[in-house]
Amino acid sequence: MTTAPARDQYQGSQTAFITGISGQDGSYLAEHLVGAGWSVHGMIRDGDEARQHLPGVVTIHNGDLTDARRLFQLIDEVQPDAVFNLGGMSSVARSWQEPYEAALATGAASIALLEGAWLLQQRTGREVRYLQASSAEIFGNAAEVPQNESTPIRPVTPYGAAKAFAHHAVRTYRSRGLFAASAILYNHESLRRPPTFVTRRITLGVAAIALGLKDRIRLGNLNAVRDFGWAPDYVDALTRITTAHQPDDFIVATGVSHSVKEFAQCAFAAAGIPDGLSRVDTDPRFHRPVEALEMRGDPSKISATLGWTATTDFQRIVQMMVDHDISIVRQHGLAALPTD
């Protein structure tokens, strides 16, 4: 049965607490909620200066996802109506280098945030909602393509294992009476994607080649297949899930997949470089020890239940990123590119 999100219930005079607010998704979500009349609070680590995309009305708090006491303190101080957990280690590759840190910040921190939200609800007698930014990495090398909400959870990376822990924690607290929901996010890109991610490495590298500053770019596994979406679309999905009538888990994806090789090919074409793939070198340093071969999500549940669909197709995403990065590299030169 189709159920529309309870938007009128959460328009204006609501307070959100966002972890990971200085990241790609956090900054778009802050803009989205401020535009809807919410009061927005966000947590950043000490020394994190990445605030350039945040609206000036956002209240910033210092904290660390590995410090449970501080997380309890912030939730008690902010008194949010909704907690959006977008924080944690965002790089799958880095999780292989720092698996314990990934387990703490991406996995265990969810328990502290869920417990803090549940305790606040118990103390105040009012509903507190919780949204977990889950990941397609929880499915690992799934036997079925596309994956849906019933696909077995079998992660093959430390990042995926940490996200799987958080995903199960959400279901545990939902059974306890907390409005706890998960958005199982597939790859989503934007002009704010950090340069260390393969998509941004590609578009920045292509921009440098187009401007005559480089001859070649180095990439890892070109055969990995992913479902690439547009981050602002996915932030709209996060809001719909959090303001729905019932808490649930939802795949957030386009339903269409492309290889990293196709992404690079499309980026070169967007820059007007016909022989682009001949300028790509594969570098074993960028290969992961274990990697899921194809991730493609089935968004039919969120489409039928909450009316959400992706609005930006693959070619448009790549074109916007290349155009943006040509401007960035023209302004900053090779300093805009990630260091290998």
Protein backbone atom coordinates (compact mmCIF):
# COMPACT_ATOMS: atom_id res chain seq x y z
CA MET A 1 0.00 0.00 0.00
CA THR A 2 1.34 3.44 -0.92
CA THR A 3 1.90 5.75 2.03
CA ALA A 4 2.86 9.41 1.63
CA PRO A 5 5.49 10.86 3.97
CA ALA A 6 4.11 12.81 6.92
CA ARG A 7 5.62 16.10 5.71
CA ASP A 8 3.08 18.42 7.38
CA GLN A 9 3.93 16.94 10.78
CA TYR A 10 7.59 17.92 10.42
CA GLN A 11 7.43 21.29 8.70
CA GLY A 12 9.22 24.00 10.67
CA SER A 13 9.96 24.37 14.39
CA GLN A 14 11.75 21.00 14.45
CA THR A 15 15.31 20.42 15.64
CA ALA A 16 17.78 18.12 13.91
CA PHE A 17 21.12 16.82 15.16
CA ILE A 18 23.44 15.67 12.35
CA THR A 19 26.70 13.78 12.70
CA GLY A 20 29.02 14.12 9.71
CA ILE A 21 27.52 17.51 8.93
CA SER A 22 30.68 18.82 7.27
CA GLY A 23 30.69 16.00 4.70
CA GLN A 24 28.99 15.80 1.33
CA ASP A 25 25.67 14.43 2.59
CA GLY A 26 25.69 16.38 5.84
CA SER A 27 26.06 19.74 4.14
CA TYR A 28 23.29 19.02 1.62
CA LEU A 29 21.02 17.73 4.39
CA ALA A 30 21.66 20.84 6.50
CA GLU A 31 20.70 23.06 3.57
CA HIS A 32 17.62 20.94 2.90
CA LEU A 33 16.37 21.05 6.50
CA VAL A 34 17.13 24.75 7.02
CA GLY A 35 15.12 25.46 3.87
CA ALA A 36 12.19 23.52 5.39
CA GLY A 37 12.32 25.61 8.57
CA TRP A 38 14.21 23.24 10.84
CA SER A 39 16.69 24.29 13.50
CA VAL A 40 19.87 22.38 12.63
CA HIS A 41 22.73 21.35 14.92
CA GLY A 42 25.75 19.44 13.70
CA MET A 43 28.76 17.72 15.21
CA ILE A 44 32.29 18.03 13.84
CA ARG A 45 35.66 16.85 15.14
CA ASP A 46 38.07 19.30 16.74
CA GLY A 47 40.19 20.87 14.03
CA ASP A 48 37.69 20.15 11.25
CA GLU A 49 37.42 23.39 9.29
CA ALA A 50 35.29 22.03 6.41
CA ARG A 51 32.28 24.27 6.93
CA GLN A 52 32.19 26.22 3.68
CA HIS A 53 28.93 24.69 2.46
CA LEU A 54 27.01 24.94 5.74
CA PRO A 55 24.27 27.57 6.17
CA GLY A 56 25.23 30.26 8.64
CA VAL A 57 22.29 29.47 10.91
CA VAL A 58 23.57 25.95 11.66
CA THR A 59 24.83 25.48 15.23
CA ILE A 60 28.12 23.57 15.35
CA HIS A 61 29.27 21.39 18.26
CA ASN A 62 32.64 19.71 18.68
CA GLY A 63 32.64 16.01 19.38
CA ASP A 64 33.92 12.61 18.33
CA LEU A 65 31.95 9.53 17.33
CA THR A 66 34.24 7.36 19.44
CA ASP A 67 33.34 9.31 22.61
CA ALA A 68 30.00 7.88 23.77
CA ARG A 69 29.80 10.19 26.79
CA ARG A 70 30.10 13.25 24.56
CA LEU A 71 27.40 11.91 22.21
CA PHE A 72 25.00 11.45 25.15
CA GLN A 73 25.83 14.97 26.34
CA LEU A 74 25.16 16.55 22.95
CA ILE A 75 21.82 14.81 22.46
CA ASP A 76 20.77 15.90 25.95
CA GLU A 77 21.91 19.46 25.23
CA VAL A 78 20.38 19.82 21.75
CA GLN A 79 17.11 17.99 22.57
CA PRO A 80 16.58 17.04 18.90
CA ASP A 81 13.39 15.84 17.31
CA ALA A 82 15.49 13.82 14.87
CA VAL A 83 19.03 12.43 14.92
CA PHE A 84 20.68 11.86 11.54
CA ASN A 85 23.78 9.68 11.82
CA LEU A 86 25.77 10.41 8.66
CA GLY A 87 29.16 10.37 10.36
CA GLY A 88 31.90 7.78 10.51
CA MET A 89 34.71 6.63 8.28
CA SER A 90 33.48 7.23 4.74
CA SER A 91 36.24 5.44 2.81
CA VAL A 92 36.01 1.71 2.21
CA ALA A 93 39.69 1.65 1.26
CA ARG A 94 40.69 3.37 4.49
CA SER A 95 38.70 0.85 6.52
CA TRP A 96 41.16 -1.82 5.39
CA GLN A 97 44.01 0.30 6.76
CA GLU A 98 42.22 1.20 10.01
CA PRO A 99 39.63 -1.55 10.66
CA TYR A 100 39.34 -0.98 14.41
CA GLU A 101 38.76 2.74 13.97
CA ALA A 102 36.12 1.95 11.34
CA ALA A 103 34.39 -0.41 13.76
CA LEU A 104 34.21 2.28 16.42
CA ALA A 105 33.27 5.36 14.40
CA THR A 106 31.08 3.70 11.77
CA GLY A 107 29.63 0.85 13.81
CA ALA A 108 29.69 1.19 17.59
CA ALA A 109 28.90 4.92 17.57
CA SER A 110 25.42 4.08 16.31
CA ILE A 111 24.63 2.34 19.61
CA ALA A 112 25.55 5.46 21.60
CA LEU A 113 23.41 7.67 19.34
CA LEU A 114 20.47 5.28 19.38
CA GLU A 115 20.66 4.91 23.14
CA GLY A 116 20.91 8.68 23.54
CA ALA A 117 17.82 9.19 21.37
CA TRP A 118 15.89 6.49 23.24
CA LEU A 119 16.83 7.93 26.66
CA LEU A 120 15.77 11.41 25.55
CA GLN A 121 12.44 10.00 24.41
CA GLN A 122 12.00 8.26 27.77
CA ARG A 123 12.81 11.41 29.74
CA THR A 124 10.68 13.83 27.74
CA GLY A 125 7.78 11.62 26.72
CA ARG A 126 7.95 12.94 23.14
CA GLU A 127 8.95 11.05 20.04
CA VAL A 128 12.58 11.24 18.94
CA ARG A 129 13.39 9.93 15.48
CA TYR A 130 16.66 8.35 14.34
CA LEU A 131 18.00 7.93 10.79
CA GLN A 132 20.99 5.73 10.06
CA ALA A 133 22.91 6.27 6.83
CA SER A 134 23.48 2.62 5.98
CA SER A 135 25.33 1.39 2.91
CA ALA A 136 25.13 -1.07 0.03
CA GLU A 137 28.43 -2.39 1.39
CA ILE A 138 26.41 -4.40 3.94
CA PHE A 139 25.44 -6.81 1.13
CA GLY A 140 29.00 -7.59 0.05
CA ASN A 141 29.18 -9.84 -3.00
CA ALA A 142 25.44 -10.34 -3.17
CA ALA A 143 24.20 -13.34 -5.13
CA GLU A 144 21.28 -11.32 -6.48
CA VAL A 145 21.34 -8.22 -8.67
CA PRO A 146 19.69 -5.85 -8.01
CA GLN A 147 19.71 -6.01 -4.24
CA ASN A 148 16.59 -5.21 -2.20
CA GLU A 149 15.73 -4.81 1.46
CA SER A 150 15.54 -8.60 1.91
CA THR A 151 18.96 -9.35 0.40
CA PRO A 152 21.13 -11.23 2.95
CA ILE A 153 23.61 -9.07 4.81
CA ARG A 154 27.09 -10.47 4.09
CA PRO A 155 29.71 -7.70 4.11
CA VAL A 156 33.18 -8.34 2.68
CA THR A 157 34.96 -5.18 3.92
CA PRO A 158 35.62 -3.74 7.40
CA TYR A 159 33.52 -0.73 6.38
CA GLY A 160 30.65 -2.98 5.34
CA ALA A 161 30.90 -4.97 8.58
CA ALA A 162 30.73 -1.77 10.65
CA LYS A 163 27.74 -0.55 8.65
CA ALA A 164 26.07 -3.95 9.08
CA PHE A 165 26.47 -3.68 12.86
CA ALA A 166 24.82 -0.26 12.81
CA HIS A 167 22.07 -1.54 10.52
CA HIS A 168 21.21 -4.35 12.96
CA ALA A 169 21.39 -1.92 15.89
CA VAL A 170 18.70 0.22 14.25
CA ARG A 171 16.38 -2.77 14.06
CA THR A 172 17.09 -3.60 17.70
CA TYR A 173 16.09 -0.14 18.89
CA ARG A 174 13.08 -0.08 16.58
CA SER A 175 11.82 -3.17 18.42
CA ARG A 176 12.33 -1.21 21.65
CA GLY A 177 9.90 1.50 20.55
CA LEU A 178 12.21 4.07 18.96
CA PHE A 179 11.41 5.47 15.52
CA ALA A 180 14.63 4.12 14.03
CA ALA A 181 15.05 3.86 10.27
CA SER A 182 17.85 3.03 7.84
CA ALA A 183 18.60 4.43 4.40
CA ILE A 184 20.66 1.83 2.55
CA LEU A 185 22.58 4.22 0.32
CA TYR A 186 24.25 3.25 -2.92
CA ASN A 187 27.07 5.32 -4.42
CA HIS A 188 26.05 8.94 -4.73
CA GLU A 189 28.15 11.71 -6.16
CA SER A 190 28.14 15.50 -6.29
CA LEU A 191 30.34 18.54 -6.73
CA ARG A 192 31.19 18.15 -3.02
CA ARG A 193 32.52 14.60 -3.27
CA PRO A 194 35.99 14.50 -1.62
CA PRO A 195 38.89 14.22 -4.10
CA THR A 196 39.99 10.91 -2.57
CA PHE A 197 36.93 9.09 -3.97
CA VAL A 198 37.40 7.38 -7.32
CA THR A 199 34.69 9.39 -9.09
CA ARG A 200 36.26 12.69 -8.09
CA ARG A 201 39.74 11.37 -8.81
CA ILE A 202 38.48 10.69 -12.33
CA THR A 203 36.76 14.03 -12.93
CA LEU A 204 39.63 16.07 -11.48
CA GLY A 205 42.16 14.05 -13.47
CA VAL A 206 40.16 14.44 -16.67
CA ALA A 207 39.92 18.18 -16.02
CA ALA A 208 43.70 18.40 -15.63
CA ILE A 209 44.22 16.51 -18.91
CA ALA A 210 41.67 18.70 -20.70
CA LEU A 211 43.58 21.79 -19.55
CA GLY A 212 46.95 20.38 -20.59
CA LEU A 213 48.28 20.03 -17.05
CA LYS A 214 48.54 16.24 -17.04
CA ASP A 215 48.92 13.48 -19.61
CA ARG A 216 47.54 10.48 -17.72
CA ILE A 217 45.56 9.42 -14.65
CA ARG A 218 45.98 6.36 -12.44
CA LEU A 219 43.00 4.34 -11.21
CA GLY A 220 42.33 1.04 -9.46
CA ASN A 221 39.80 -1.63 -10.44
CA LEU A 222 38.08 -0.42 -13.61
CA ASN A 223 35.69 -3.39 -13.62
CA ALA A 224 33.91 -2.61 -10.34
CA VAL A 225 30.24 -1.94 -11.11
CA ARG A 226 28.27 0.53 -9.02
CA ASP A 227 24.87 2.24 -8.91
CA PHE A 228 25.76 5.94 -9.16
CA GLY A 229 23.23 8.51 -7.94
CA TRP A 230 23.15 12.25 -7.20
CA ALA A 231 23.73 13.22 -3.55
CA PRO A 232 21.05 15.97 -3.32
CA ASP A 233 18.46 13.41 -4.52
CA TYR A 234 19.57 11.04 -1.78
CA VAL A 235 19.31 13.73 0.89
CA ASP A 236 15.68 14.19 -0.12
CA ALA A 237 15.26 10.44 0.46
CA LEU A 238 16.79 10.74 3.95
CA THR A 239 14.23 13.39 4.88
CA ARG A 240 11.32 11.38 3.49
CA ILE A 241 12.39 8.29 5.43
CA THR A 242 12.74 10.25 8.68
CA THR A 243 9.36 11.97 8.31
CA ALA A 244 7.42 8.90 7.20
CA HIS A 245 4.50 7.52 9.21
CA GLN A 246 6.37 4.33 10.14
CA PRO A 247 10.08 3.56 10.62
CA ASP A 248 11.54 1.13 8.12
CA ASP A 249 14.61 0.27 6.03
CA PHE A 250 14.80 1.52 2.45
CA ILE A 251 17.15 0.98 -0.47
CA VAL A 252 18.12 4.37 -1.93
CA ALA A 253 19.46 3.80 -5.44
CA THR A 254 18.81 4.51 -9.12
CA GLY A 255 18.38 0.88 -10.18
CA VAL A 256 20.98 1.35 -12.95
CA SER A 257 24.65 0.37 -12.67
CA HIS A 258 27.83 1.35 -14.51
CA SER A 259 31.46 0.28 -14.24
CA VAL A 260 34.27 2.55 -13.11
CA LYS A 261 35.59 2.20 -16.66
CA GLU A 262 32.29 3.56 -18.01
CA PHE A 263 32.47 6.45 -15.55
CA ALA A 264 35.95 7.34 -16.81
CA GLN A 265 34.88 6.97 -20.44
CA CYS A 266 31.88 9.24 -19.87
CA ALA A 267 34.06 11.81 -18.07
CA PHE A 268 36.55 12.00 -20.95
CA ALA A 269 33.67 12.36 -23.42
CA ALA A 270 32.19 15.17 -21.29
CA ALA A 271 35.53 17.00 -21.56
CA GLY A 272 35.74 16.46 -25.32
CA ILE A 273 38.64 13.98 -25.14
CA PRO A 274 37.91 11.13 -27.61
CA ASP A 275 40.85 8.84 -26.75
CA GLY A 276 40.47 9.16 -22.99
CA LEU A 277 40.76 5.53 -21.89
CA SER A 278 44.17 5.30 -23.55
CA ARG A 279 45.32 7.84 -20.95
CA VAL A 280 44.34 5.66 -17.96
CA ASP A 281 46.86 3.53 -16.07
CA THR A 282 45.77 0.93 -13.52
CA ASP A 283 47.63 1.12 -10.24
CA PRO A 284 47.56 -1.86 -7.82
CA ARG A 285 47.83 0.57 -4.89
CA PHE A 286 44.22 1.55 -5.50
CA HIS A 287 42.92 -2.03 -5.50
CA ARG A 288 41.15 -3.25 -2.35
CA PRO A 289 41.94 -6.66 -0.79
CA VAL A 290 38.33 -7.77 -1.32
CA GLU A 291 35.70 -5.88 -3.27
CA ALA A 292 32.09 -6.47 -4.26
CA LEU A 293 31.89 -6.77 -8.05
CA GLU A 294 28.45 -5.29 -8.71
CA MET A 295 26.24 -3.18 -6.50
CA ARG A 296 22.87 -2.19 -7.94
CA GLY A 297 19.89 -1.35 -5.78
CA ASP A 298 16.18 -1.89 -6.31
CA PRO A 299 14.44 1.37 -5.28
CA SER A 300 10.89 0.10 -5.85
CA LYS A 301 10.01 0.05 -2.14
CA ILE A 302 10.91 3.68 -1.42
CA SER A 303 9.29 4.72 -4.70
CA ALA A 304 6.00 2.98 -3.88
CA THR A 305 5.95 3.87 -0.18
CA LEU A 306 7.39 7.38 -0.06
CA GLY A 307 7.16 8.59 -3.64
CA TRP A 308 10.92 9.00 -4.06
CA THR A 309 12.75 8.47 -7.34
CA ALA A 310 16.17 9.57 -8.56
CA THR A 311 15.95 12.68 -10.75
CA THR A 312 19.48 12.92 -12.16
CA ASP A 313 20.83 10.33 -14.62
CA PHE A 314 24.37 9.01 -14.92
CA GLN A 315 25.48 11.11 -17.89
CA ARG A 316 24.20 14.31 -16.30
CA ILE A 317 26.00 13.56 -13.03
CA VAL A 318 29.31 12.99 -14.80
CA GLN A 319 28.89 16.07 -17.01
CA MET A 320 28.20 18.35 -14.02
CA MET A 321 31.19 17.00 -12.12
CA VAL A 322 33.55 17.41 -15.08
CA ASP A 323 32.35 20.95 -15.83
CA HIS A 324 32.78 21.88 -12.17
CA ASP A 325 36.24 20.35 -11.91
CA ILE A 326 37.50 22.04 -15.07
CA SER A 327 36.64 25.33 -13.35
CA ILE A 328 38.33 24.19 -10.13
CA VAL A 329 41.53 23.03 -11.84
CA ARG A 330 41.64 26.15 -13.99
CA GLN A 331 41.58 28.18 -10.78
CA HIS A 332 43.84 26.10 -8.53
CA GLY A 333 45.94 24.05 -10.92
CA LEU A 334 47.31 20.65 -9.90
CA ALA A 335 46.89 21.58 -6.24
CA ALA A 336 43.20 20.67 -6.67
CA LEU A 337 44.07 17.03 -7.40
CA PRO A 338 44.49 14.35 -4.72
CA THR A 339 48.01 13.31 -3.87
CA ASP A 340 48.75 9.68 -4.79
